[in-house]
Amino acid sequence: MSWEVRQTRRFARAYKKLHDNVVATVDDAVEVVSENPDVGEKKKGDLARLWVYKFRSQGQLYLLGYTREDELRLIYLEAVGPHENFYRDLKR
């Protein structure tokens, strides 16, 4: 049973800027996370609520950041993008 997935504004803006080839891979990653939210890695410290799922597209490492509400079976997609400066931008 998959979880309900919702986008934040930050995610929607980043998703819209992605190249078409990468969008298909991101869609696959979102599907994987919606089927099993434990597949990502839980962060610590400042980003303790965040889970990150790593995947490759076009030979580059991309990260999908999300938070989850376990009792509601709800996933909020927070951010997506290449590894470079991903965490720095999320802290803003």
PDB file of N, CA and C in Angstrom:
ATOM      1  N   MET A   1       0.849  -1.186   0.000  1.00  0.00           N
ATOM      2  CA  MET A   1       0.000   0.000   0.000  1.00  0.00           C
ATOM      3  C   MET A   1       0.886   1.237   0.000  1.00  0.00           C
ATOM      4  N   SER A   2       0.711   2.089  -0.991  1.00  0.00           N
ATOM      5  CA  SER A   2       1.566   3.266  -1.090  1.00  0.00           C
ATOM      6  C   SER A   2       1.019   4.418  -0.258  1.00  0.00           C
ATOM      7  N   TRP A   3       1.883   5.332   0.030  1.00  0.00           N
ATOM      8  CA  TRP A   3       1.547   6.500   0.826  1.00  0.00           C
ATOM      9  C   TRP A   3       1.090   7.625  -0.102  1.00  0.00           C
ATOM     10  N   GLU A   4       0.344   8.576   0.440  1.00  0.00           N
ATOM     11  CA  GLU A   4      -0.053   9.753  -0.335  1.00  0.00           C
ATOM     12  C   GLU A   4       1.140  10.696  -0.408  1.00  0.00           C
ATOM     13  N   VAL A   5       1.359  11.289  -1.577  1.00  0.00           N
ATOM     14  CA  VAL A   5       2.515  12.158  -1.792  1.00  0.00           C
ATOM     15  C   VAL A   5       2.032  13.560  -2.123  1.00  0.00           C
ATOM     16  N   ARG A   6       2.644  14.549  -1.461  1.00  0.00           N
ATOM     17  CA  ARG A   6       2.347  15.959  -1.741  1.00  0.00           C
ATOM     18  C   ARG A   6       3.645  16.711  -1.950  1.00  0.00           C
ATOM     19  N   GLN A   7       3.580  17.772  -2.763  1.00  0.00           N
ATOM     20  CA  GLN A   7       4.759  18.578  -3.067  1.00  0.00           C
ATOM     21  C   GLN A   7       4.734  19.878  -2.280  1.00  0.00           C
ATOM     22  N   THR A   8       5.926  20.333  -1.887  1.00  0.00           N
ATOM     23  CA  THR A   8       6.047  21.671  -1.333  1.00  0.00           C
ATOM     24  C   THR A   8       6.360  22.618  -2.488  1.00  0.00           C
ATOM     25  N   ARG A   9       6.256  23.892  -2.241  1.00  0.00           N
ATOM     26  CA  ARG A   9       6.552  24.871  -3.295  1.00  0.00           C
ATOM     27  C   ARG A   9       8.006  24.797  -3.736  1.00  0.00           C
ATOM     28  N   ARG A  10       8.901  24.590  -2.778  1.00  0.00           N
ATOM     29  CA  ARG A  10      10.332  24.493  -3.097  1.00  0.00           C
ATOM     30  C   ARG A  10      10.572  23.339  -4.064  1.00  0.00           C
ATOM     31  N   PHE A  11       9.963  22.191  -3.782  1.00  0.00           N
ATOM     32  CA  PHE A  11      10.116  21.035  -4.654  1.00  0.00           C
ATOM     33  C   PHE A  11       9.555  21.331  -6.046  1.00  0.00           C
ATOM     34  N   ALA A  12       8.367  21.926  -6.112  1.00  0.00           N
ATOM     35  CA  ALA A  12       7.721  22.201  -7.397  1.00  0.00           C
ATOM     36  C   ALA A  12       8.578  23.124  -8.258  1.00  0.00           C
ATOM     37  N   ARG A  13       9.189  24.132  -7.644  1.00  0.00           N
ATOM     38  CA  ARG A  13      10.052  25.056  -8.402  1.00  0.00           C
ATOM     39  C   ARG A  13      11.278  24.339  -8.935  1.00  0.00           C
ATOM     40  N   ALA A  14      11.905  23.510  -8.102  1.00  0.00           N
ATOM     41  CA  ALA A  14      13.101  22.778  -8.532  1.00  0.00           C
ATOM     42  C   ALA A  14      12.754  21.749  -9.604  1.00  0.00           C
ATOM     43  N   TYR A  15      11.619  21.082  -9.452  1.00  0.00           N
ATOM     44  CA  TYR A  15      11.175  20.059 -10.405  1.00  0.00           C
ATOM     45  C   TYR A  15      10.930  20.670 -11.778  1.00  0.00           C
ATOM     46  N   LYS A  16      10.338  21.853 -11.786  1.00  0.00           N
ATOM     47  CA  LYS A  16      10.012  22.515 -13.047  1.00  0.00           C
ATOM     48  C   LYS A  16      11.273  22.878 -13.839  1.00  0.00           C
ATOM     49  N   LYS A  17      12.385  23.108 -13.155  1.00  0.00           N
ATOM     50  CA  LYS A  17      13.630  23.518 -13.809  1.00  0.00           C
ATOM     51  C   LYS A  17      14.448  22.338 -14.328  1.00  0.00           C
ATOM     52  N   LEU A  18      14.066  21.123 -13.961  1.00  0.00           N
ATOM     53  CA  LEU A  18      14.838  19.954 -14.371  1.00  0.00           C
ATOM     54  C   LEU A  18      14.663  19.652 -15.859  1.00  0.00           C
ATOM     55  N   HIS A  19      15.682  19.056 -16.439  1.00  0.00           N
ATOM     56  CA  HIS A  19      15.639  18.631 -17.837  1.00  0.00           C
ATOM     57  C   HIS A  19      14.696  17.431 -17.963  1.00  0.00           C
ATOM     58  N   ASP A  20      14.096  17.261 -19.128  1.00  0.00           N
ATOM     59  CA  ASP A  20      13.108  16.197 -19.353  1.00  0.00           C
ATOM     60  C   ASP A  20      13.652  14.800 -19.036  1.00  0.00           C
ATOM     61  N   ASN A  21      14.926  14.552 -19.361  1.00  0.00           N
ATOM     62  CA  ASN A  21      15.514  13.238 -19.091  1.00  0.00           C
ATOM     63  C   ASN A  21      15.550  12.964 -17.591  1.00  0.00           C
ATOM     64  N   VAL A  22      15.847  13.992 -16.816  1.00  0.00           N
ATOM     65  CA  VAL A  22      15.961  13.835 -15.368  1.00  0.00           C
ATOM     66  C   VAL A  22      14.574  13.712 -14.732  1.00  0.00           C
ATOM     67  N   VAL A  23      13.581  14.385 -15.304  1.00  0.00           N
ATOM     68  CA  VAL A  23      12.221  14.351 -14.761  1.00  0.00           C
ATOM     69  C   VAL A  23      11.698  12.917 -14.701  1.00  0.00           C
ATOM     70  N   ALA A  24      11.957  12.138 -15.722  1.00  0.00           N
ATOM     71  CA  ALA A  24      11.496  10.747 -15.741  1.00  0.00           C
ATOM     72  C   ALA A  24      12.135   9.946 -14.605  1.00  0.00           C
ATOM     73  N   THR A  25      13.410  10.177 -14.358  1.00  0.00           N
ATOM     74  CA  THR A  25      14.108   9.481 -13.275  1.00  0.00           C
ATOM     75  C   THR A  25      13.592   9.932 -11.914  1.00  0.00           C
ATOM     76  N   VAL A  26      13.302  11.221 -11.774  1.00  0.00           N
ATOM     77  CA  VAL A  26      12.749  11.747 -10.515  1.00  0.00           C
ATOM     78  C   VAL A  26      11.381  11.124 -10.257  1.00  0.00           C
ATOM     79  N   ASP A  27      10.565  11.014 -11.298  1.00  0.00           N
ATOM     80  CA  ASP A  27       9.252  10.378 -11.145  1.00  0.00           C
ATOM     81  C   ASP A  27       9.392   8.941 -10.645  1.00  0.00           C
ATOM     82  N   ASP A  28      10.381   8.215 -11.173  1.00  0.00           N
ATOM     83  CA  ASP A  28      10.635   6.843 -10.714  1.00  0.00           C
ATOM     84  C   ASP A  28      11.053   6.835  -9.245  1.00  0.00           C
ATOM     85  N   ALA A  29      11.896   7.804  -8.859  1.00  0.00           N
ATOM     86  CA  ALA A  29      12.364   7.889  -7.467  1.00  0.00           C
ATOM     87  C   ALA A  29      11.198   8.191  -6.529  1.00  0.00           C
ATOM     88  N   VAL A  30      10.291   9.073  -6.950  1.00  0.00           N
ATOM     89  CA  VAL A  30       9.118   9.397  -6.136  1.00  0.00           C
ATOM     90  C   VAL A  30       8.250   8.156  -5.963  1.00  0.00           C
ATOM     91  N   GLU A  31       8.126   7.364  -7.006  1.00  0.00           N
ATOM     92  CA  GLU A  31       7.352   6.121  -6.938  1.00  0.00           C
ATOM     93  C   GLU A  31       7.972   5.144  -5.934  1.00  0.00           C
ATOM     94  N   VAL A  32       9.303   5.026  -5.969  1.00  0.00           N
ATOM     95  CA  VAL A  32      10.003   4.143  -5.037  1.00  0.00           C
ATOM     96  C   VAL A  32       9.757   4.590  -3.596  1.00  0.00           C
ATOM     97  N   VAL A  33       9.861   5.901  -3.338  1.00  0.00           N
ATOM     98  CA  VAL A  33       9.670   6.441  -1.990  1.00  0.00           C
ATOM     99  C   VAL A  33       8.223   6.268  -1.537  1.00  0.00           C
ATOM    100  N   SER A  34       7.263   6.444  -2.450  1.00  0.00           N
ATOM    101  CA  SER A  34       5.858   6.314  -2.060  1.00  0.00           C
ATOM    102  C   SER A  34       5.508   4.871  -1.707  1.00  0.00           C
ATOM    103  N   GLU A  35       6.192   3.907  -2.318  1.00  0.00           N
ATOM    104  CA  GLU A  35       5.957   2.499  -2.008  1.00  0.00           C
ATOM    105  C   GLU A  35       6.604   2.094  -0.684  1.00  0.00           C
ATOM    106  N   ASN A  36       7.782   2.670  -0.384  1.00  0.00           N
ATOM    107  CA  ASN A  36       8.510   2.326   0.834  1.00  0.00           C
ATOM    108  C   ASN A  36       9.284   3.544   1.339  1.00  0.00           C
ATOM    109  N   PRO A  37       8.689   4.363   2.205  1.00  0.00           N
ATOM    110  CA  PRO A  37       9.361   5.583   2.686  1.00  0.00           C
ATOM    111  C   PRO A  37      10.623   5.310   3.498  1.00  0.00           C
ATOM    112  N   ASP A  38      10.822   4.074   3.964  1.00  0.00           N
ATOM    113  CA  ASP A  38      12.022   3.753   4.735  1.00  0.00           C
ATOM    114  C   ASP A  38      13.248   3.577   3.853  1.00  0.00           C
ATOM    115  N   VAL A  39      13.095   3.648   2.537  1.00  0.00           N
ATOM    116  CA  VAL A  39      14.196   3.434   1.614  1.00  0.00           C
ATOM    117  C   VAL A  39      15.230   4.563   1.712  1.00  0.00           C
ATOM    118  N   GLY A  40      14.816   5.734   2.128  1.00  0.00           N
ATOM    119  CA  GLY A  40      15.731   6.865   2.270  1.00  0.00           C
ATOM    120  C   GLY A  40      16.538   6.791   3.547  1.00  0.00           C
ATOM    121  N   GLU A  41      17.440   7.751   3.683  1.00  0.00           N
ATOM    122  CA  GLU A  41      18.306   7.835   4.854  1.00  0.00           C
ATOM    123  C   GLU A  41      17.840   8.994   5.725  1.00  0.00           C
ATOM    124  N   LYS A  42      17.612   8.741   7.009  1.00  0.00           N
ATOM    125  CA  LYS A  42      17.168   9.783   7.927  1.00  0.00           C
ATOM    126  C   LYS A  42      18.359  10.634   8.321  1.00  0.00           C
ATOM    127  N   LYS A  43      18.212  11.951   8.243  1.00  0.00           N
ATOM    128  CA  LYS A  43      19.282  12.880   8.562  1.00  0.00           C
ATOM    129  C   LYS A  43      19.317  13.180  10.057  1.00  0.00           C
ATOM    130  N   LYS A  44      20.387  13.813  10.478  1.00  0.00           N
ATOM    131  CA  LYS A  44      20.575  14.155  11.889  1.00  0.00           C
ATOM    132  C   LYS A  44      20.875  15.648  12.007  1.00  0.00           C
ATOM    133  N   GLY A  45      20.833  16.151  13.212  1.00  0.00           N
ATOM    134  CA  GLY A  45      21.200  17.543  13.462  1.00  0.00           C
ATOM    135  C   GLY A  45      20.133  18.514  13.010  1.00  0.00           C
ATOM    136  N   ASP A  46      20.540  19.547  12.266  1.00  0.00           N
ATOM    137  CA  ASP A  46      19.625  20.597  11.805  1.00  0.00           C
ATOM    138  C   ASP A  46      18.503  20.048  10.934  1.00  0.00           C
ATOM    139  N   LEU A  47      18.781  18.996  10.202  1.00  0.00           N
ATOM    140  CA  LEU A  47      17.815  18.436   9.253  1.00  0.00           C
ATOM    141  C   LEU A  47      17.235  17.116   9.773  1.00  0.00           C
ATOM    142  N   ALA A  48      16.999  17.023  11.063  1.00  0.00           N
ATOM    143  CA  ALA A  48      16.595  15.764  11.683  1.00  0.00           C
ATOM    144  C   ALA A  48      15.261  15.224  11.164  1.00  0.00           C
ATOM    145  N   ARG A  49      14.359  16.075  10.726  1.00  0.00           N
ATOM    146  CA  ARG A  49      13.067  15.599  10.207  1.00  0.00           C
ATOM    147  C   ARG A  49      13.165  15.090   8.776  1.00  0.00           C
ATOM    148  N   LEU A  50      14.259  15.381   8.105  1.00  0.00           N
ATOM    149  CA  LEU A  50      14.398  15.097   6.678  1.00  0.00           C
ATOM    150  C   LEU A  50      14.881  13.674   6.405  1.00  0.00           C
ATOM    151  N   TRP A  51      14.309  13.076   5.388  1.00  0.00           N
ATOM    152  CA  TRP A  51      14.778  11.807   4.832  1.00  0.00           C
ATOM    153  C   TRP A  51      15.300  12.111   3.438  1.00  0.00           C
ATOM    154  N   VAL A  52      16.363  11.431   3.010  1.00  0.00           N
ATOM    155  CA  VAL A  52      16.939  11.673   1.688  1.00  0.00           C
ATOM    156  C   VAL A  52      17.097  10.349   0.956  1.00  0.00           C
ATOM    157  N   TYR A  53      16.565  10.316  -0.261  1.00  0.00           N
ATOM    158  CA  TYR A  53      16.719   9.164  -1.146  1.00  0.00           C
ATOM    159  C   TYR A  53      17.676   9.565  -2.255  1.00  0.00           C
ATOM    160  N   LYS A  54      18.742   8.790  -2.451  1.00  0.00           N
ATOM    161  CA  LYS A  54      19.757   9.097  -3.463  1.00  0.00           C
ATOM    162  C   LYS A  54      19.538   8.225  -4.689  1.00  0.00           C
ATOM    163  N   PHE A  55      19.688   8.832  -5.861  1.00  0.00           N
ATOM    164  CA  PHE A  55      19.569   8.093  -7.115  1.00  0.00           C
ATOM    165  C   PHE A  55      20.435   8.755  -8.169  1.00  0.00           C
ATOM    166  N   ARG A  56      20.702   8.030  -9.230  1.00  0.00           N
ATOM    167  CA  ARG A  56      21.549   8.549 -10.309  1.00  0.00           C
ATOM    168  C   ARG A  56      20.713   8.813 -11.545  1.00  0.00           C
ATOM    169  N   SER A  57      21.052   9.919 -12.221  1.00  0.00           N
ATOM    170  CA  SER A  57      20.423  10.251 -13.490  1.00  0.00           C
ATOM    171  C   SER A  57      21.455  10.945 -14.353  1.00  0.00           C
ATOM    172  N   GLN A  58      21.583  10.502 -15.580  1.00  0.00           N
ATOM    173  CA  GLN A  58      22.537  11.095 -16.517  1.00  0.00           C
ATOM    174  C   GLN A  58      23.961  11.062 -15.954  1.00  0.00           C
ATOM    175  N   GLY A  59      24.291  10.029 -15.186  1.00  0.00           N
ATOM    176  CA  GLY A  59      25.629   9.893 -14.633  1.00  0.00           C
ATOM    177  C   GLY A  59      25.914  10.811 -13.457  1.00  0.00           C
ATOM    178  N   GLN A  60      24.903  11.478 -12.934  1.00  0.00           N
ATOM    179  CA  GLN A  60      25.082  12.404 -11.820  1.00  0.00           C
ATOM    180  C   GLN A  60      24.224  11.965 -10.634  1.00  0.00           C
ATOM    181  N   LEU A  61      24.721  12.188  -9.428  1.00  0.00           N
ATOM    182  CA  LEU A  61      23.994  11.824  -8.219  1.00  0.00           C
ATOM    183  C   LEU A  61      22.958  12.902  -7.902  1.00  0.00           C
ATOM    184  N   TYR A  62      21.702  12.482  -7.739  1.00  0.00           N
ATOM    185  CA  TYR A  62      20.613  13.389  -7.362  1.00  0.00           C
ATOM    186  C   TYR A  62      20.067  12.962  -6.019  1.00  0.00           C
ATOM    187  N   LEU A  63      19.519  13.934  -5.291  1.00  0.00           N
ATOM    188  CA  LEU A  63      18.932  13.654  -3.992  1.00  0.00           C
ATOM    189  C   LEU A  63      17.485  14.108  -3.982  1.00  0.00           C
ATOM    190  N   LEU A  64      16.636  13.300  -3.367  1.00  0.00           N
ATOM    191  CA  LEU A  64      15.227  13.620  -3.182  1.00  0.00           C
ATOM    192  C   LEU A  64      14.997  13.714  -1.682  1.00  0.00           C
ATOM    193  N   GLY A  65      14.716  14.930  -1.205  1.00  0.00           N
ATOM    194  CA  GLY A  65      14.488  15.148   0.215  1.00  0.00           C
ATOM    195  C   GLY A  65      13.000  15.157   0.512  1.00  0.00           C
ATOM    196  N   TYR A  66      12.605  14.464   1.589  1.00  0.00           N
ATOM    197  CA  TYR A  66      11.190  14.396   1.943  1.00  0.00           C
ATOM    198  C   TYR A  66      11.020  14.263   3.447  1.00  0.00           C
ATOM    199  N   THR A  67       9.854  14.678   3.912  1.00  0.00           N
ATOM    200  CA  THR A  67       9.462  14.448   5.294  1.00  0.00           C
ATOM    201  C   THR A  67       8.224  13.576   5.265  1.00  0.00           C
ATOM    202  N   ARG A  68       7.899  12.971   6.410  1.00  0.00           N
ATOM    203  CA  ARG A  68       6.768  12.059   6.423  1.00  0.00           C
ATOM    204  C   ARG A  68       5.959  12.191   7.708  1.00  0.00           C
ATOM    205  N   GLU A  69       4.675  11.963   7.554  1.00  0.00           N
ATOM    206  CA  GLU A  69       3.742  11.921   8.677  1.00  0.00           C
ATOM    207  C   GLU A  69       3.251  10.470   8.760  1.00  0.00           C
ATOM    208  N   ASP A  70       3.828   9.711   9.664  1.00  0.00           N
ATOM    209  CA  ASP A  70       3.554   8.274   9.732  1.00  0.00           C
ATOM    210  C   ASP A  70       2.091   7.957  10.032  1.00  0.00           C
ATOM    211  N   GLU A  71       1.477   8.675  10.972  1.00  0.00           N
ATOM    212  CA  GLU A  71       0.102   8.356  11.352  1.00  0.00           C
ATOM    213  C   GLU A  71      -0.892   8.666  10.225  1.00  0.00           C
ATOM    214  N   LEU A  72      -0.551   9.613   9.341  1.00  0.00           N
ATOM    215  CA  LEU A  72      -1.438   9.954   8.220  1.00  0.00           C
ATOM    216  C   LEU A  72      -1.034   9.249   6.921  1.00  0.00           C
ATOM    217  N   ARG A  73       0.098   8.531   6.952  1.00  0.00           N
ATOM    218  CA  ARG A  73       0.647   7.898   5.739  1.00  0.00           C
ATOM    219  C   ARG A  73       0.794   8.921   4.622  1.00  0.00           C
ATOM    220  N   LEU A  74       1.489  10.013   4.951  1.00  0.00           N
ATOM    221  CA  LEU A  74       1.633  11.152   4.056  1.00  0.00           C
ATOM    222  C   LEU A  74       3.111  11.505   3.900  1.00  0.00           C
ATOM    223  N   ILE A  75       3.539  11.732   2.668  1.00  0.00           N
ATOM    224  CA  ILE A  75       4.923  12.120   2.374  1.00  0.00           C
ATOM    225  C   ILE A  75       4.902  13.506   1.736  1.00  0.00           C
ATOM    226  N   TYR A  76       5.729  14.407   2.266  1.00  0.00           N
ATOM    227  CA  TYR A  76       5.889  15.744   1.682  1.00  0.00           C
ATOM    228  C   TYR A  76       7.231  15.793   0.972  1.00  0.00           C
ATOM    229  N   LEU A  77       7.210  16.016  -0.337  1.00  0.00           N
ATOM    230  CA  LEU A  77       8.438  16.152  -1.102  1.00  0.00           C
ATOM    231  C   LEU A  77       8.980  17.555  -0.859  1.00  0.00           C
ATOM    232  N   GLU A  78      10.146  17.653  -0.267  1.00  0.00           N
ATOM    233  CA  GLU A  78      10.711  18.942   0.138  1.00  0.00           C
ATOM    234  C   GLU A  78      11.636  19.537  -0.916  1.00  0.00           C
ATOM    235  N   ALA A  79      12.506  18.709  -1.515  1.00  0.00           N
ATOM    236  CA  ALA A  79      13.494  19.238  -2.456  1.00  0.00           C
ATOM    237  C   ALA A  79      14.019  18.120  -3.345  1.00  0.00           C
ATOM    238  N   VAL A  80      14.506  18.526  -4.490  1.00  0.00           N
ATOM    239  CA  VAL A  80      15.157  17.589  -5.404  1.00  0.00           C
ATOM    240  C   VAL A  80      16.252  18.349  -6.134  1.00  0.00           C
ATOM    241  N   GLY A  81      17.358  17.670  -6.410  1.00  0.00           N
ATOM    242  CA  GLY A  81      18.428  18.322  -7.141  1.00  0.00           C
ATOM    243  C   GLY A  81      19.717  17.530  -7.050  1.00  0.00           C
ATOM    244  N   PRO A  82      20.733  18.026  -7.748  1.00  0.00           N
ATOM    245  CA  PRO A  82      22.036  17.362  -7.678  1.00  0.00           C
ATOM    246  C   PRO A  82      22.628  17.500  -6.275  1.00  0.00           C
ATOM    247  N   HIS A  83      23.554  16.641  -5.959  1.00  0.00           N
ATOM    248  CA  HIS A  83      24.143  16.614  -4.618  1.00  0.00           C
ATOM    249  C   HIS A  83      24.804  17.944  -4.257  1.00  0.00           C
ATOM    250  N   GLU A  84      25.381  18.606  -5.231  1.00  0.00           N
ATOM    251  CA  GLU A  84      26.115  19.848  -4.979  1.00  0.00           C
ATOM    252  C   GLU A  84      25.216  20.901  -4.328  1.00  0.00           C
ATOM    253  N   ASN A  85      25.585  21.352  -3.158  1.00  0.00           N
ATOM    254  CA  ASN A  85      24.892  22.404  -2.394  1.00  0.00           C
ATOM    255  C   ASN A  85      23.468  22.030  -1.990  1.00  0.00           C
ATOM    256  N   PHE A  86      23.086  20.789  -2.064  1.00  0.00           N
ATOM    257  CA  PHE A  86      21.724  20.363  -1.735  1.00  0.00           C
ATOM    258  C   PHE A  86      21.375  20.683  -0.284  1.00  0.00           C
ATOM    259  N   TYR A  87      22.232  20.280   0.636  1.00  0.00           N
ATOM    260  CA  TYR A  87      21.952  20.483   2.057  1.00  0.00           C
ATOM    261  C   TYR A  87      22.052  21.947   2.448  1.00  0.00           C
ATOM    262  N   ARG A  88      23.005  22.658   1.869  1.00  0.00           N
ATOM    263  CA  ARG A  88      23.146  24.086   2.166  1.00  0.00           C
ATOM    264  C   ARG A  88      21.887  24.836   1.772  1.00  0.00           C
ATOM    265  N   ASP A  89      21.348  24.548   0.608  1.00  0.00           N
ATOM    266  CA  ASP A  89      20.134  25.217   0.137  1.00  0.00           C
ATOM    267  C   ASP A  89      18.922  24.838   0.975  1.00  0.00           C
ATOM    268  N   LEU A  90      18.878  23.620   1.482  1.00  0.00           N
ATOM    269  CA  LEU A  90      17.747  23.195   2.310  1.00  0.00           C
ATOM    270  C   LEU A  90      17.713  23.910   3.658  1.00  0.00           C
ATOM    271  N   LYS A  91      18.860  24.274   4.175  1.00  0.00           N
ATOM    272  CA  LYS A  91      18.918  24.935   5.479  1.00  0.00           C
ATOM    273  C   LYS A  91      18.400  26.366   5.428  1.00  0.00           C
ATOM    274  N   ARG A  92      18.288  26.918   4.240  1.00  0.00           N
ATOM    275  CA  ARG A  92      17.807  28.308   4.092  1.00  0.00           C
ATOM    276  C   ARG A  92      16.339  28.398   4.335  1.00  0.00           C
TER     277      ARG A  92
END
